[in-house]
């Protein structure tokens, strides 16, 4: 049996500052820091404005890459 080459595919996540941070954690920490109203002003999406909840926000953000990117950028600029 040939030896496996561990260096064939370098870890693509090694330079990702959000590696191992879940989207739920990102949303929860932003809500704790800003509150829903201020978060909605920071990232203009309806799931933060109308009857907001972590569950509904996660559902929307998982289906909407541009919104998720904005939320992730806000998280990085706030906590990094």
C-alpha atoms as a PDB file:
ATOM      1  CA  UNK A   1       0.000   0.000   0.000  1.00  0.00           C
ATOM      2  CA  UNK A   2       1.571   3.340  -1.033  1.00  0.00           C
ATOM      3  CA  UNK A   3       2.080   6.062   1.542  1.00  0.00           C
ATOM      4  CA  UNK A   4      -0.384   8.937   1.423  1.00  0.00           C
ATOM      5  CA  UNK A   5       1.126  12.276   0.493  1.00  0.00           C
ATOM      6  CA  UNK A   6      -0.175  14.726   3.091  1.00  0.00           C
ATOM      7  CA  UNK A   7       1.160  17.722   1.109  1.00  0.00           C
ATOM      8  CA  UNK A   8      -0.851  17.182  -2.060  1.00  0.00           C
ATOM      9  CA  UNK A   9      -3.598  19.633  -1.077  1.00  0.00           C
ATOM     10  CA  UNK A  10      -2.616  22.326   1.397  1.00  0.00           C
ATOM     11  CA  UNK A  11      -5.211  23.410   3.900  1.00  0.00           C
ATOM     12  CA  UNK A  12      -7.247  26.011   2.013  1.00  0.00           C
ATOM     13  CA  UNK A  13      -8.704  27.346   5.261  1.00  0.00           C
ATOM     14  CA  UNK A  14      -5.405  28.210   6.935  1.00  0.00           C
ATOM     15  CA  UNK A  15      -5.656  31.879   5.891  1.00  0.00           C
ATOM     16  CA  UNK A  16      -9.397  32.235   6.450  1.00  0.00           C
ATOM     17  CA  UNK A  17     -10.014  34.363   9.571  1.00  0.00           C
ATOM     18  CA  UNK A  18     -13.532  32.893   9.860  1.00  0.00           C
ATOM     19  CA  UNK A  19     -12.339  29.282   9.833  1.00  0.00           C
ATOM     20  CA  UNK A  20     -14.160  27.271  12.526  1.00  0.00           C
ATOM     21  CA  UNK A  21     -16.525  30.158  13.344  1.00  0.00           C
ATOM     22  CA  UNK A  22     -20.112  29.201  12.587  1.00  0.00           C
ATOM     23  CA  UNK A  23     -22.575  31.518  10.914  1.00  0.00           C
ATOM     24  CA  UNK A  24     -24.813  31.153  13.973  1.00  0.00           C
ATOM     25  CA  UNK A  25     -21.994  32.395  16.207  1.00  0.00           C
ATOM     26  CA  UNK A  26     -21.356  35.329  13.859  1.00  0.00           C
ATOM     27  CA  UNK A  27     -25.010  36.414  13.892  1.00  0.00           C
ATOM     28  CA  UNK A  28     -25.396  35.890  17.641  1.00  0.00           C
ATOM     29  CA  UNK A  29     -22.280  37.894  18.499  1.00  0.00           C
ATOM     30  CA  UNK A  30     -23.272  40.719  16.163  1.00  0.00           C
ATOM     31  CA  UNK A  31     -26.768  40.867  17.687  1.00  0.00           C
ATOM     32  CA  UNK A  32     -25.298  40.864  21.196  1.00  0.00           C
ATOM     33  CA  UNK A  33     -22.916  43.663  20.219  1.00  0.00           C
ATOM     34  CA  UNK A  34     -25.180  45.885  18.084  1.00  0.00           C
ATOM     35  CA  UNK A  35     -28.768  44.785  18.760  1.00  0.00           C
ATOM     36  CA  UNK A  36     -31.184  44.075  15.910  1.00  0.00           C
ATOM     37  CA  UNK A  37     -31.986  47.713  15.068  1.00  0.00           C
ATOM     38  CA  UNK A  38     -28.370  48.816  14.803  1.00  0.00           C
ATOM     39  CA  UNK A  39     -27.423  45.626  12.975  1.00  0.00           C
ATOM     40  CA  UNK A  40     -30.166  46.359  10.417  1.00  0.00           C
ATOM     41  CA  UNK A  41     -28.628  49.799   9.883  1.00  0.00           C
ATOM     42  CA  UNK A  42     -25.182  48.245   9.426  1.00  0.00           C
ATOM     43  CA  UNK A  43     -26.400  45.543   7.010  1.00  0.00           C
ATOM     44  CA  UNK A  44     -29.576  46.582   5.201  1.00  0.00           C
ATOM     45  CA  UNK A  45     -31.475  43.293   4.923  1.00  0.00           C
ATOM     46  CA  UNK A  46     -35.079  42.623   5.873  1.00  0.00           C
ATOM     47  CA  UNK A  47     -34.368  39.596   8.060  1.00  0.00           C
ATOM     48  CA  UNK A  48     -32.683  42.012  10.503  1.00  0.00           C
ATOM     49  CA  UNK A  49     -35.549  44.539  10.306  1.00  0.00           C
ATOM     50  CA  UNK A  50     -38.875  42.689  10.267  1.00  0.00           C
ATOM     51  CA  UNK A  51     -39.508  40.300  13.156  1.00  0.00           C
ATOM     52  CA  UNK A  52     -35.813  39.350  13.417  1.00  0.00           C
ATOM     53  CA  UNK A  53     -34.576  36.094  14.857  1.00  0.00           C
ATOM     54  CA  UNK A  54     -31.333  34.183  14.633  1.00  0.00           C
ATOM     55  CA  UNK A  55     -33.126  31.245  12.977  1.00  0.00           C
ATOM     56  CA  UNK A  56     -34.714  33.320  10.191  1.00  0.00           C
ATOM     57  CA  UNK A  57     -31.489  35.247   9.651  1.00  0.00           C
ATOM     58  CA  UNK A  58     -29.478  32.045   9.292  1.00  0.00           C
ATOM     59  CA  UNK A  59     -31.957  30.663   6.769  1.00  0.00           C
ATOM     60  CA  UNK A  60     -31.723  33.826   4.662  1.00  0.00           C
ATOM     61  CA  UNK A  61     -27.948  34.215   4.933  1.00  0.00           C
ATOM     62  CA  UNK A  62     -27.312  30.596   3.932  1.00  0.00           C
ATOM     63  CA  UNK A  63     -29.295  31.149   0.722  1.00  0.00           C
ATOM     64  CA  UNK A  64     -27.972  34.638  -0.075  1.00  0.00           C
ATOM     65  CA  UNK A  65     -24.206  34.846  -0.638  1.00  0.00           C
ATOM     66  CA  UNK A  66     -24.009  38.655  -0.998  1.00  0.00           C
ATOM     67  CA  UNK A  67     -25.788  39.186   2.339  1.00  0.00           C
ATOM     68  CA  UNK A  68     -23.666  36.560   4.083  1.00  0.00           C
ATOM     69  CA  UNK A  69     -20.529  38.259   2.778  1.00  0.00           C
ATOM     70  CA  UNK A  70     -21.668  41.616   4.182  1.00  0.00           C
ATOM     71  CA  UNK A  71     -22.408  40.049   7.585  1.00  0.00           C
ATOM     72  CA  UNK A  72     -19.046  38.269   7.637  1.00  0.00           C
ATOM     73  CA  UNK A  73     -17.232  41.492   6.728  1.00  0.00           C
ATOM     74  CA  UNK A  74     -19.029  43.363   9.506  1.00  0.00           C
ATOM     75  CA  UNK A  75     -18.066  40.614  11.953  1.00  0.00           C
ATOM     76  CA  UNK A  76     -14.413  40.838  10.914  1.00  0.00           C
ATOM     77  CA  UNK A  77     -14.317  44.616  11.100  1.00  0.00           C
ATOM     78  CA  UNK A  78     -16.035  44.578  14.503  1.00  0.00           C
ATOM     79  CA  UNK A  79     -14.174  41.761  16.249  1.00  0.00           C
ATOM     80  CA  UNK A  80     -10.878  41.282  14.396  1.00  0.00           C
END
